[in-house]
Amino acid sequence: MSTTEFGTKCTYFSIT
């Protein structure tokens, strides 16, 4: 998993 992909998932779960 790339850092960008990890950051995107973190942001997604933070919003939801």
PDB file of N, CA and C in Angstrom:
ATOM      1  N   MET A   1       0.860  -1.211   0.000  1.00  0.00           N
ATOM      2  CA  MET A   1       0.000   0.000   0.000  1.00  0.00           C
ATOM      3  C   MET A   1       0.887   1.248   0.000  1.00  0.00           C
ATOM      4  N   SER A   2       0.621   2.146  -0.918  1.00  0.00           N
ATOM      5  CA  SER A   2       1.410   3.371  -0.991  1.00  0.00           C
ATOM      6  C   SER A   2       0.981   4.352   0.095  1.00  0.00           C
ATOM      7  N   THR A   3       1.837   5.319   0.374  1.00  0.00           N
ATOM      8  CA  THR A   3       1.529   6.311   1.403  1.00  0.00           C
ATOM      9  C   THR A   3       0.290   7.113   1.028  1.00  0.00           C
ATOM     10  N   THR A   4       0.184   7.470  -0.255  1.00  0.00           N
ATOM     11  CA  THR A   4      -0.972   8.251  -0.717  1.00  0.00           C
ATOM     12  C   THR A   4      -2.259   7.458  -0.528  1.00  0.00           C
ATOM     13  N   GLU A   5      -2.208   6.175  -0.857  1.00  0.00           N
ATOM     14  CA  GLU A   5      -3.391   5.328  -0.712  1.00  0.00           C
ATOM     15  C   GLU A   5      -3.781   5.227   0.761  1.00  0.00           C
ATOM     16  N   PHE A   6      -2.776   5.122   1.630  1.00  0.00           N
ATOM     17  CA  PHE A   6      -3.030   5.040   3.065  1.00  0.00           C
ATOM     18  C   PHE A   6      -3.662   6.338   3.570  1.00  0.00           C
ATOM     19  N   GLY A   7      -3.142   7.467   3.130  1.00  0.00           N
ATOM     20  CA  GLY A   7      -3.673   8.769   3.536  1.00  0.00           C
ATOM     21  C   GLY A   7      -5.101   8.949   3.073  1.00  0.00           C
ATOM     22  N   THR A   8      -5.393   8.483   1.858  1.00  0.00           N
ATOM     23  CA  THR A   8      -6.753   8.588   1.318  1.00  0.00           C
ATOM     24  C   THR A   8      -7.720   7.780   2.168  1.00  0.00           C
ATOM     25  N   LYS A   9      -7.313   6.568   2.563  1.00  0.00           N
ATOM     26  CA  LYS A   9      -8.171   5.728   3.390  1.00  0.00           C
ATOM     27  C   LYS A   9      -8.387   6.378   4.755  1.00  0.00           C
ATOM     28  N   CYS A  10      -7.337   6.958   5.322  1.00  0.00           N
ATOM     29  CA  CYS A  10      -7.458   7.613   6.621  1.00  0.00           C
ATOM     30  C   CYS A  10      -8.444   8.768   6.546  1.00  0.00           C
ATOM     31  N   THR A  11      -8.327   9.563   5.482  1.00  0.00           N
ATOM     32  CA  THR A  11      -9.234  10.690   5.305  1.00  0.00           C
ATOM     33  C   THR A  11     -10.658  10.203   5.140  1.00  0.00           C
ATOM     34  N   TYR A  12     -10.831   9.123   4.373  1.00  0.00           N
ATOM     35  CA  TYR A  12     -12.164   8.579   4.125  1.00  0.00           C
ATOM     36  C   TYR A  12     -12.810   8.125   5.429  1.00  0.00           C
ATOM     37  N   PHE A  13     -12.066   7.391   6.232  1.00  0.00           N
ATOM     38  CA  PHE A  13     -12.621   6.884   7.482  1.00  0.00           C
ATOM     39  C   PHE A  13     -12.834   8.008   8.495  1.00  0.00           C
ATOM     40  N   SER A  14     -12.048   9.079   8.381  1.00  0.00           N
ATOM     41  CA  SER A  14     -12.218  10.216   9.287  1.00  0.00           C
ATOM     42  C   SER A  14     -13.524  10.936   8.988  1.00  0.00           C
ATOM     43  N   ILE A  15     -13.866  11.042   7.703  1.00  0.00           N
ATOM     44  CA  ILE A  15     -15.091  11.740   7.298  1.00  0.00           C
ATOM     45  C   ILE A  15     -16.321  10.916   7.664  1.00  0.00           C
ATOM     46  N   THR A  16     -16.249   9.619   7.438  1.00  0.00           N
ATOM     47  CA  THR A  16     -17.409   8.771   7.682  1.00  0.00           C
ATOM     48  C   THR A  16     -17.594   8.484   9.164  1.00  0.00           C
TER      49      THR A  16
END
